Amino acid sequence: MDSLRRASGFLFYFLGVITLVLIVLSRRGIAGGLLPVIDLPLIFVGLLYGGASLYGSLTREKSSTVLAVSIFVPLAILFILFCWLNFAYSFPDLG
């Protein structure tokens, strides 16, 4: 689980920096095409990183399937809700 936390943490910070750069570039009118697309991957790796960090802090040396399911099932439901919100409502025009 530690390798999952490290990989998702790296991707979370990487996608976060890319999102901030795209926001600045879209405000200047340079690039805004990727901004509506990058939100779901950022949310996904953020939830994955948060869930893996929570699981790792609650279980130090032993593993628990029940705890993993009780952490990741609500996060999966939350991600499905974010997907529904993303596709149900259109992204506002930045121009």
PDB file of N, CA and C in Angstrom:
ATOM      1  N   MET A   1       0.824  -1.192   0.000  1.00  0.00           N
ATOM      2  CA  MET A   1       0.000   0.000   0.000  1.00  0.00           C
ATOM      3  C   MET A   1       0.869   1.256   0.000  1.00  0.00           C
ATOM      4  N   ASP A   2       2.085   1.114   0.494  1.00  0.00           N
ATOM      5  CA  ASP A   2       2.972   2.278   0.531  1.00  0.00           C
ATOM      6  C   ASP A   2       3.370   2.723  -0.871  1.00  0.00           C
ATOM      7  N   SER A   3       3.577   1.783  -1.765  1.00  0.00           N
ATOM      8  CA  SER A   3       3.931   2.161  -3.133  1.00  0.00           C
ATOM      9  C   SER A   3       2.755   2.825  -3.839  1.00  0.00           C
ATOM     10  N   LEU A   4       1.529   2.409  -3.528  1.00  0.00           N
ATOM     11  CA  LEU A   4       0.344   3.059  -4.084  1.00  0.00           C
ATOM     12  C   LEU A   4       0.240   4.493  -3.572  1.00  0.00           C
ATOM     13  N   ARG A   5       0.532   4.684  -2.308  1.00  0.00           N
ATOM     14  CA  ARG A   5       0.482   6.029  -1.736  1.00  0.00           C
ATOM     15  C   ARG A   5       1.549   6.925  -2.360  1.00  0.00           C
ATOM     16  N   ARG A   6       2.733   6.397  -2.547  1.00  0.00           N
ATOM     17  CA  ARG A   6       3.808   7.202  -3.149  1.00  0.00           C
ATOM     18  C   ARG A   6       3.507   7.561  -4.602  1.00  0.00           C
ATOM     19  N   ALA A   7       3.041   6.585  -5.371  1.00  0.00           N
ATOM     20  CA  ALA A   7       2.746   6.843  -6.786  1.00  0.00           C
ATOM     21  C   ALA A   7       1.581   7.813  -6.934  1.00  0.00           C
ATOM     22  N   SER A   8       0.528   7.622  -6.150  1.00  0.00           N
ATOM     23  CA  SER A   8      -0.612   8.532  -6.257  1.00  0.00           C
ATOM     24  C   SER A   8      -0.262   9.912  -5.703  1.00  0.00           C
ATOM     25  N   GLY A   9       0.607   9.976  -4.719  1.00  0.00           N
ATOM     26  CA  GLY A   9       1.055  11.271  -4.216  1.00  0.00           C
ATOM     27  C   GLY A   9       1.838  12.041  -5.262  1.00  0.00           C
ATOM     28  N   PHE A  10       2.734  11.350  -5.966  1.00  0.00           N
ATOM     29  CA  PHE A  10       3.488  12.000  -7.031  1.00  0.00           C
ATOM     30  C   PHE A  10       2.555  12.508  -8.129  1.00  0.00           C
ATOM     31  N   LEU A  11       1.609  11.656  -8.548  1.00  0.00           N
ATOM     32  CA  LEU A  11       0.672  12.065  -9.595  1.00  0.00           C
ATOM     33  C   LEU A  11      -0.228  13.201  -9.137  1.00  0.00           C
ATOM     34  N   PHE A  12      -0.614  13.194  -7.863  1.00  0.00           N
ATOM     35  CA  PHE A  12      -1.463  14.255  -7.342  1.00  0.00           C
ATOM     36  C   PHE A  12      -0.740  15.598  -7.388  1.00  0.00           C
ATOM     37  N   TYR A  13       0.490  15.637  -6.929  1.00  0.00           N
ATOM     38  CA  TYR A  13       1.238  16.891  -6.958  1.00  0.00           C
ATOM     39  C   TYR A  13       1.551  17.320  -8.395  1.00  0.00           C
ATOM     40  N   PHE A  14       1.876  16.360  -9.247  1.00  0.00           N
ATOM     41  CA  PHE A  14       2.169  16.665 -10.647  1.00  0.00           C
ATOM     42  C   PHE A  14       0.944  17.243 -11.352  1.00  0.00           C
ATOM     43  N   LEU A  15      -0.205  16.579 -11.208  1.00  0.00           N
ATOM     44  CA  LEU A  15      -1.424  17.087 -11.841  1.00  0.00           C
ATOM     45  C   LEU A  15      -1.885  18.396 -11.211  1.00  0.00           C
ATOM     46  N   GLY A  16      -1.631  18.594  -9.934  1.00  0.00           N
ATOM     47  CA  GLY A  16      -1.975  19.855  -9.287  1.00  0.00           C
ATOM     48  C   GLY A  16      -1.185  21.014  -9.844  1.00  0.00           C
ATOM     49  N   VAL A  17       0.108  20.805 -10.064  1.00  0.00           N
ATOM     50  CA  VAL A  17       0.943  21.859 -10.651  1.00  0.00           C
ATOM     51  C   VAL A  17       0.501  22.141 -12.087  1.00  0.00           C
ATOM     52  N   ILE A  18       0.204  21.087 -12.844  1.00  0.00           N
ATOM     53  CA  ILE A  18      -0.271  21.285 -14.218  1.00  0.00           C
ATOM     54  C   ILE A  18      -1.593  22.049 -14.223  1.00  0.00           C
ATOM     55  N   THR A  19      -2.481  21.744 -13.290  1.00  0.00           N
ATOM     56  CA  THR A  19      -3.757  22.453 -13.206  1.00  0.00           C
ATOM     57  C   THR A  19      -3.543  23.927 -12.909  1.00  0.00           C
ATOM     58  N   LEU A  20      -2.663  24.237 -11.974  1.00  0.00           N
ATOM     59  CA  LEU A  20      -2.389  25.636 -11.662  1.00  0.00           C
ATOM     60  C   LEU A  20      -1.773  26.379 -12.849  1.00  0.00           C
ATOM     61  N   VAL A  21      -0.882  25.723 -13.558  1.00  0.00           N
ATOM     62  CA  VAL A  21      -0.277  26.341 -14.743  1.00  0.00           C
ATOM     63  C   VAL A  21      -1.336  26.574 -15.821  1.00  0.00           C
ATOM     64  N   LEU A  22      -2.237  25.596 -16.016  1.00  0.00           N
ATOM     65  CA  LEU A  22      -3.292  25.759 -17.014  1.00  0.00           C
ATOM     66  C   LEU A  22      -4.263  26.867 -16.639  1.00  0.00           C
ATOM     67  N   ILE A  23      -4.532  27.038 -15.353  1.00  0.00           N
ATOM     68  CA  ILE A  23      -5.407  28.130 -14.924  1.00  0.00           C
ATOM     69  C   ILE A  23      -4.772  29.474 -15.236  1.00  0.00           C
ATOM     70  N   VAL A  24      -3.486  29.611 -14.935  1.00  0.00           N
ATOM     71  CA  VAL A  24      -2.792  30.872 -15.231  1.00  0.00           C
ATOM     72  C   VAL A  24      -2.751  31.119 -16.736  1.00  0.00           C
ATOM     73  N   LEU A  25      -2.448  30.084 -17.523  1.00  0.00           N
ATOM     74  CA  LEU A  25      -2.396  30.249 -18.971  1.00  0.00           C
ATOM     75  C   LEU A  25      -3.759  30.549 -19.571  1.00  0.00           C
ATOM     76  N   SER A  26      -4.810  29.970 -19.024  1.00  0.00           N
ATOM     77  CA  SER A  26      -6.143  30.251 -19.560  1.00  0.00           C
ATOM     78  C   SER A  26      -6.590  31.670 -19.212  1.00  0.00           C
ATOM     79  N   ARG A  27      -6.166  32.201 -18.099  1.00  0.00           N
ATOM     80  CA  ARG A  27      -6.488  33.593 -17.752  1.00  0.00           C
ATOM     81  C   ARG A  27      -5.792  34.575 -18.685  1.00  0.00           C
ATOM     82  N   ARG A  28      -4.650  34.158 -19.217  1.00  0.00           N
ATOM     83  CA  ARG A  28      -3.929  35.002 -20.165  1.00  0.00           C
ATOM     84  C   ARG A  28      -4.357  34.743 -21.601  1.00  0.00           C
ATOM     85  N   GLY A  29      -5.246  33.767 -21.794  1.00  0.00           N
ATOM     86  CA  GLY A  29      -5.760  33.470 -23.120  1.00  0.00           C
ATOM     87  C   GLY A  29      -4.865  32.593 -23.963  1.00  0.00           C
ATOM     88  N   ILE A  30      -3.908  31.935 -23.352  1.00  0.00           N
ATOM     89  CA  ILE A  30      -2.957  31.126 -24.125  1.00  0.00           C
ATOM     90  C   ILE A  30      -3.456  29.697 -24.299  1.00  0.00           C
ATOM     91  N   ALA A  31      -3.793  29.026 -23.213  1.00  0.00           N
ATOM     92  CA  ALA A  31      -4.210  27.625 -23.296  1.00  0.00           C
ATOM     93  C   ALA A  31      -5.348  27.383 -22.319  1.00  0.00           C
ATOM     94  N   GLY A  32      -6.403  26.847 -22.803  1.00  0.00           N
ATOM     95  CA  GLY A  32      -7.523  26.523 -21.935  1.00  0.00           C
ATOM     96  C   GLY A  32      -8.194  25.225 -22.320  1.00  0.00           C
ATOM     97  N   GLY A  33      -7.660  24.550 -23.343  1.00  0.00           N
ATOM     98  CA  GLY A  33      -8.281  23.335 -23.850  1.00  0.00           C
ATOM     99  C   GLY A  33      -8.178  22.143 -22.920  1.00  0.00           C
ATOM    100  N   LEU A  34      -7.118  22.058 -22.146  1.00  0.00           N
ATOM    101  CA  LEU A  34      -6.943  20.915 -21.246  1.00  0.00           C
ATOM    102  C   LEU A  34      -7.580  21.124 -19.879  1.00  0.00           C
ATOM    103  N   LEU A  35      -7.959  22.322 -19.573  1.00  0.00           N
ATOM    104  CA  LEU A  35      -8.496  22.604 -18.242  1.00  0.00           C
ATOM    105  C   LEU A  35      -9.786  21.835 -17.929  1.00  0.00           C
ATOM    106  N   PRO A  36     -10.731  21.704 -18.861  1.00  0.00           N
ATOM    107  CA  PRO A  36     -11.921  20.906 -18.544  1.00  0.00           C
ATOM    108  C   PRO A  36     -11.649  19.411 -18.451  1.00  0.00           C
ATOM    109  N   VAL A  37     -10.513  18.954 -18.944  1.00  0.00           N
ATOM    110  CA  VAL A  37     -10.225  17.527 -18.996  1.00  0.00           C
ATOM    111  C   VAL A  37      -9.437  17.051 -17.781  1.00  0.00           C
ATOM    112  N   ILE A  38      -8.672  17.919 -17.159  1.00  0.00           N
ATOM    113  CA  ILE A  38      -7.735  17.500 -16.124  1.00  0.00           C
ATOM    114  C   ILE A  38      -8.383  17.392 -14.743  1.00  0.00           C
ATOM    115  N   ASP A  39      -9.615  17.814 -14.592  1.00  0.00           N
ATOM    116  CA  ASP A  39     -10.218  17.820 -13.265  1.00  0.00           C
ATOM    117  C   ASP A  39     -10.502  16.417 -12.729  1.00  0.00           C
ATOM    118  N   LEU A  40     -11.024  15.523 -13.556  1.00  0.00           N
ATOM    119  CA  LEU A  40     -11.317  14.175 -13.066  1.00  0.00           C
ATOM    120  C   LEU A  40     -10.076  13.363 -12.717  1.00  0.00           C
ATOM    121  N   PRO A  41      -9.003  13.384 -13.528  1.00  0.00           N
ATOM    122  CA  PRO A  41      -7.800  12.677 -13.076  1.00  0.00           C
ATOM    123  C   PRO A  41      -7.229  13.243 -11.781  1.00  0.00           C
ATOM    124  N   LEU A  42      -7.299  14.558 -11.607  1.00  0.00           N
ATOM    125  CA  LEU A  42      -6.807  15.165 -10.370  1.00  0.00           C
ATOM    126  C   LEU A  42      -7.646  14.721  -9.179  1.00  0.00           C
ATOM    127  N   ILE A  43      -8.959  14.693  -9.340  1.00  0.00           N
ATOM    128  CA  ILE A  43      -9.833  14.233  -8.263  1.00  0.00           C
ATOM    129  C   ILE A  43      -9.575  12.762  -7.961  1.00  0.00           C
ATOM    130  N   PHE A  44      -9.400  11.941  -9.007  1.00  0.00           N
ATOM    131  CA  PHE A  44      -9.173  10.509  -8.816  1.00  0.00           C
ATOM    132  C   PHE A  44      -7.900  10.242  -8.028  1.00  0.00           C
ATOM    133  N   VAL A  45      -6.784  10.833  -8.461  1.00  0.00           N
ATOM    134  CA  VAL A  45      -5.534  10.561  -7.749  1.00  0.00           C
ATOM    135  C   VAL A  45      -5.531  11.228  -6.371  1.00  0.00           C
ATOM    136  N   GLY A  46      -6.260  12.317  -6.203  1.00  0.00           N
ATOM    137  CA  GLY A  46      -6.383  12.927  -4.881  1.00  0.00           C
ATOM    138  C   GLY A  46      -7.126  12.032  -3.908  1.00  0.00           C
ATOM    139  N   LEU A  47      -8.225  11.446  -4.374  1.00  0.00           N
ATOM    140  CA  LEU A  47      -8.965  10.517  -3.520  1.00  0.00           C
ATOM    141  C   LEU A  47      -8.151   9.254  -3.247  1.00  0.00           C
ATOM    142  N   LEU A  48      -7.442   8.780  -4.253  1.00  0.00           N
ATOM    143  CA  LEU A  48      -6.602   7.597  -4.077  1.00  0.00           C
ATOM    144  C   LEU A  48      -5.468   7.867  -3.093  1.00  0.00           C
ATOM    145  N   TYR A  49      -4.843   9.014  -3.218  1.00  0.00           N
ATOM    146  CA  TYR A  49      -3.761   9.398  -2.303  1.00  0.00           C
ATOM    147  C   TYR A  49      -4.285   9.569  -0.875  1.00  0.00           C
ATOM    148  N   GLY A  50      -5.419  10.224  -0.737  1.00  0.00           N
ATOM    149  CA  GLY A  50      -6.000  10.408   0.590  1.00  0.00           C
ATOM    150  C   GLY A  50      -6.420   9.091   1.230  1.00  0.00           C
ATOM    151  N   GLY A  51      -7.034   8.216   0.442  1.00  0.00           N
ATOM    152  CA  GLY A  51      -7.443   6.913   0.961  1.00  0.00           C
ATOM    153  C   GLY A  51      -6.267   6.040   1.335  1.00  0.00           C
ATOM    154  N   ALA A  52      -5.231   6.036   0.504  1.00  0.00           N
ATOM    155  CA  ALA A  52      -4.040   5.234   0.811  1.00  0.00           C
ATOM    156  C   ALA A  52      -3.298   5.786   2.026  1.00  0.00           C
ATOM    157  N   SER A  53      -3.272   7.101   2.171  1.00  0.00           N
ATOM    158  CA  SER A  53      -2.624   7.698   3.343  1.00  0.00           C
ATOM    159  C   SER A  53      -3.401   7.400   4.617  1.00  0.00           C
ATOM    160  N   LEU A  54      -4.721   7.473   4.540  1.00  0.00           N
ATOM    161  CA  LEU A  54      -5.550   7.146   5.703  1.00  0.00           C
ATOM    162  C   LEU A  54      -5.393   5.680   6.085  1.00  0.00           C
ATOM    163  N   TYR A  55      -5.416   4.798   5.099  1.00  0.00           N
ATOM    164  CA  TYR A  55      -5.244   3.375   5.373  1.00  0.00           C
ATOM    165  C   TYR A  55      -3.865   3.100   5.973  1.00  0.00           C
ATOM    166  N   GLY A  56      -2.845   3.740   5.434  1.00  0.00           N
ATOM    167  CA  GLY A  56      -1.494   3.534   5.956  1.00  0.00           C
ATOM    168  C   GLY A  56      -1.312   4.059   7.361  1.00  0.00           C
ATOM    169  N   SER A  57      -2.011   5.148   7.703  1.00  0.00           N
ATOM    170  CA  SER A  57      -1.880   5.678   9.057  1.00  0.00           C
ATOM    171  C   SER A  57      -2.669   4.866  10.075  1.00  0.00           C
ATOM    172  N   LEU A  58      -3.719   4.196   9.643  1.00  0.00           N
ATOM    173  CA  LEU A  58      -4.512   3.387  10.579  1.00  0.00           C
ATOM    174  C   LEU A  58      -3.961   1.985  10.757  1.00  0.00           C
ATOM    175  N   THR A  59      -3.260   1.473   9.757  1.00  0.00           N
ATOM    176  CA  THR A  59      -2.652   0.140   9.864  1.00  0.00           C
ATOM    177  C   THR A  59      -1.157   0.279   9.644  1.00  0.00           C
ATOM    178  N   ARG A  60      -0.391   0.107  10.664  1.00  0.00           N
ATOM    179  CA  ARG A  60       1.061   0.273  10.547  1.00  0.00           C
ATOM    180  C   ARG A  60       1.719  -0.973   9.956  1.00  0.00           C
ATOM    181  N   GLU A  61       1.583  -2.116  10.598  1.00  0.00           N
ATOM    182  CA  GLU A  61       2.288  -3.311  10.146  1.00  0.00           C
ATOM    183  C   GLU A  61       1.348  -4.425   9.710  1.00  0.00           C
ATOM    184  N   LYS A  62       0.118  -4.352  10.093  1.00  0.00           N
ATOM    185  CA  LYS A  62      -0.842  -5.386   9.723  1.00  0.00           C
ATOM    186  C   LYS A  62      -1.774  -4.847   8.646  1.00  0.00           C
ATOM    187  N   SER A  63      -2.356  -5.743   7.865  1.00  0.00           N
ATOM    188  CA  SER A  63      -3.282  -5.317   6.829  1.00  0.00           C
ATOM    189  C   SER A  63      -4.693  -5.758   7.207  1.00  0.00           C
ATOM    190  N   SER A  64      -5.663  -4.958   6.814  1.00  0.00           N
ATOM    191  CA  SER A  64      -7.055  -5.238   7.143  1.00  0.00           C
ATOM    192  C   SER A  64      -7.905  -5.014   5.896  1.00  0.00           C
ATOM    193  N   THR A  65      -8.522  -6.093   5.438  1.00  0.00           N
ATOM    194  CA  THR A  65      -9.373  -6.001   4.260  1.00  0.00           C
ATOM    195  C   THR A  65     -10.634  -5.211   4.558  1.00  0.00           C
ATOM    196  N   VAL A  66     -11.187  -5.386   5.735  1.00  0.00           N
ATOM    197  CA  VAL A  66     -12.423  -4.686   6.106  1.00  0.00           C
ATOM    198  C   VAL A  66     -12.176  -3.178   6.157  1.00  0.00           C
ATOM    199  N   LEU A  67     -11.054  -2.779   6.715  1.00  0.00           N
ATOM    200  CA  LEU A  67     -10.727  -1.358   6.778  1.00  0.00           C
ATOM    201  C   LEU A  67     -10.506  -0.787   5.380  1.00  0.00           C
ATOM    202  N   ALA A  68      -9.817  -1.534   4.520  1.00  0.00           N
ATOM    203  CA  ALA A  68      -9.583  -1.062   3.155  1.00  0.00           C
ATOM    204  C   ALA A  68     -10.894  -0.881   2.401  1.00  0.00           C
ATOM    205  N   VAL A  69     -11.806  -1.815   2.560  1.00  0.00           N
ATOM    206  CA  VAL A  69     -13.104  -1.710   1.892  1.00  0.00           C
ATOM    207  C   VAL A  69     -13.902  -0.552   2.463  1.00  0.00           C
ATOM    208  N   SER A  70     -13.853  -0.380   3.783  1.00  0.00           N
ATOM    209  CA  SER A  70     -14.625   0.704   4.400  1.00  0.00           C
ATOM    210  C   SER A  70     -14.052   2.079   4.082  1.00  0.00           C
ATOM    211  N   ILE A  71     -12.813   2.152   3.641  1.00  0.00           N
ATOM    212  CA  ILE A  71     -12.230   3.429   3.227  1.00  0.00           C
ATOM    213  C   ILE A  71     -12.465   3.673   1.740  1.00  0.00           C
ATOM    214  N   PHE A  72     -12.197   2.676   0.913  1.00  0.00           N
ATOM    215  CA  PHE A  72     -12.193   2.902  -0.526  1.00  0.00           C
ATOM    216  C   PHE A  72     -13.572   2.840  -1.181  1.00  0.00           C
ATOM    217  N   VAL A  73     -14.543   2.152  -0.592  1.00  0.00           N
ATOM    218  CA  VAL A  73     -15.897   2.143  -1.172  1.00  0.00           C
ATOM    219  C   VAL A  73     -16.548   3.524  -1.081  1.00  0.00           C
ATOM    220  N   PRO A  74     -16.520   4.221   0.067  1.00  0.00           N
ATOM    221  CA  PRO A  74     -17.066   5.584   0.065  1.00  0.00           C
ATOM    222  C   PRO A  74     -16.311   6.538  -0.867  1.00  0.00           C
ATOM    223  N   LEU A  75     -14.998   6.351  -0.992  1.00  0.00           N
ATOM    224  CA  LEU A  75     -14.242   7.187  -1.918  1.00  0.00           C
ATOM    225  C   LEU A  75     -14.622   6.907  -3.370  1.00  0.00           C
ATOM    226  N   ALA A  76     -14.893   5.646  -3.693  1.00  0.00           N
ATOM    227  CA  ALA A  76     -15.340   5.299  -5.043  1.00  0.00           C
ATOM    228  C   ALA A  76     -16.717   5.901  -5.324  1.00  0.00           C
ATOM    229  N   ILE A  77     -17.599   5.876  -4.348  1.00  0.00           N
ATOM    230  CA  ILE A  77     -18.919   6.487  -4.510  1.00  0.00           C
ATOM    231  C   ILE A  77     -18.790   7.994  -4.684  1.00  0.00           C
ATOM    232  N   LEU A  78     -17.903   8.607  -3.931  1.00  0.00           N
ATOM    233  CA  LEU A  78     -17.662  10.041  -4.064  1.00  0.00           C
ATOM    234  C   LEU A  78     -17.097  10.381  -5.442  1.00  0.00           C
ATOM    235  N   PHE A  79     -16.199   9.540  -5.964  1.00  0.00           N
ATOM    236  CA  PHE A  79     -15.662   9.771  -7.297  1.00  0.00           C
ATOM    237  C   PHE A  79     -16.747   9.623  -8.361  1.00  0.00           C
ATOM    238  N   ILE A  80     -17.630   8.657  -8.209  1.00  0.00           N
ATOM    239  CA  ILE A  80     -18.744   8.492  -9.153  1.00  0.00           C
ATOM    240  C   ILE A  80     -19.650   9.717  -9.103  1.00  0.00           C
ATOM    241  N   LEU A  81     -19.866  10.281  -7.923  1.00  0.00           N
ATOM    242  CA  LEU A  81     -20.659  11.502  -7.803  1.00  0.00           C
ATOM    243  C   LEU A  81     -19.976  12.656  -8.538  1.00  0.00           C
ATOM    244  N   PHE A  82     -18.657  12.786  -8.392  1.00  0.00           N
ATOM    245  CA  PHE A  82     -17.930  13.845  -9.100  1.00  0.00           C
ATOM    246  C   PHE A  82     -17.981  13.640 -10.614  1.00  0.00           C
ATOM    247  N   CYS A  83     -17.907  12.393 -11.061  1.00  0.00           N
ATOM    248  CA  CYS A  83     -18.038  12.114 -12.497  1.00  0.00           C
ATOM    249  C   CYS A  83     -19.415  12.518 -12.998  1.00  0.00           C
ATOM    250  N   TRP A  84     -20.429  12.191 -12.247  1.00  0.00           N
ATOM    251  CA  TRP A  84     -21.791  12.565 -12.645  1.00  0.00           C
ATOM    252  C   TRP A  84     -21.940  14.081 -12.702  1.00  0.00           C
ATOM    253  N   LEU A  85     -21.421  14.773 -11.702  1.00  0.00           N
ATOM    254  CA  LEU A  85     -21.498  16.230 -11.713  1.00  0.00           C
ATOM    255  C   LEU A  85     -20.712  16.826 -12.879  1.00  0.00           C
ATOM    256  N   ASN A  86     -19.593  16.210 -13.217  1.00  0.00           N
ATOM    257  CA  ASN A  86     -18.767  16.720 -14.303  1.00  0.00           C
ATOM    258  C   ASN A  86     -19.466  16.576 -15.650  1.00  0.00           C
ATOM    259  N   PHE A  87     -20.143  15.465 -15.864  1.00  0.00           N
ATOM    260  CA  PHE A  87     -20.777  15.237 -17.153  1.00  0.00           C
ATOM    261  C   PHE A  87     -22.215  15.741 -17.204  1.00  0.00           C
ATOM    262  N   ALA A  88     -22.845  15.938 -16.067  1.00  0.00           N
ATOM    263  CA  ALA A  88     -24.223  16.432 -16.056  1.00  0.00           C
ATOM    264  C   ALA A  88     -24.275  17.930 -16.296  1.00  0.00           C
ATOM    265  N   TYR A  89     -23.293  18.644 -15.815  1.00  0.00           N
ATOM    266  CA  TYR A  89     -23.246  20.088 -15.977  1.00  0.00           C
ATOM    267  C   TYR A  89     -22.031  20.441 -16.816  1.00  0.00           C
ATOM    268  N   SER A  90     -22.220  21.307 -17.783  1.00  0.00           N
ATOM    269  CA  SER A  90     -21.125  21.633 -18.680  1.00  0.00           C
ATOM    270  C   SER A  90     -20.132  22.564 -17.981  1.00  0.00           C
ATOM    271  N   PHE A  91     -18.923  22.560 -18.476  1.00  0.00           N
ATOM    272  CA  PHE A  91     -17.867  23.409 -17.943  1.00  0.00           C
ATOM    273  C   PHE A  91     -18.128  24.846 -18.389  1.00  0.00           C
ATOM    274  N   PRO A  92     -18.037  25.816 -17.495  1.00  0.00           N
ATOM    275  CA  PRO A  92     -18.308  27.202 -17.900  1.00  0.00           C
ATOM    276  C   PRO A  92     -17.259  27.710 -18.883  1.00  0.00           C
ATOM    277  N   ASP A  93     -17.716  28.562 -19.778  1.00  0.00           N
ATOM    278  CA  ASP A  93     -16.815  29.129 -20.774  1.00  0.00           C
ATOM    279  C   ASP A  93     -15.887  30.134 -20.107  1.00  0.00           C
ATOM    280  N   LEU A  94     -14.596  29.981 -20.341  1.00  0.00           N
ATOM    281  CA  LEU A  94     -13.613  30.840 -19.713  1.00  0.00           C
ATOM    282  C   LEU A  94     -13.363  32.126 -20.497  1.00  0.00           C
ATOM    283  N   GLY A  95     -13.816  32.163 -21.706  1.00  0.00           N
ATOM    284  CA  GLY A  95     -13.525  33.304 -22.553  1.00  0.00           C
ATOM    285  C   GLY A  95     -14.410  34.444 -22.300  1.00  0.00           C
TER     286      GLY A  95
END
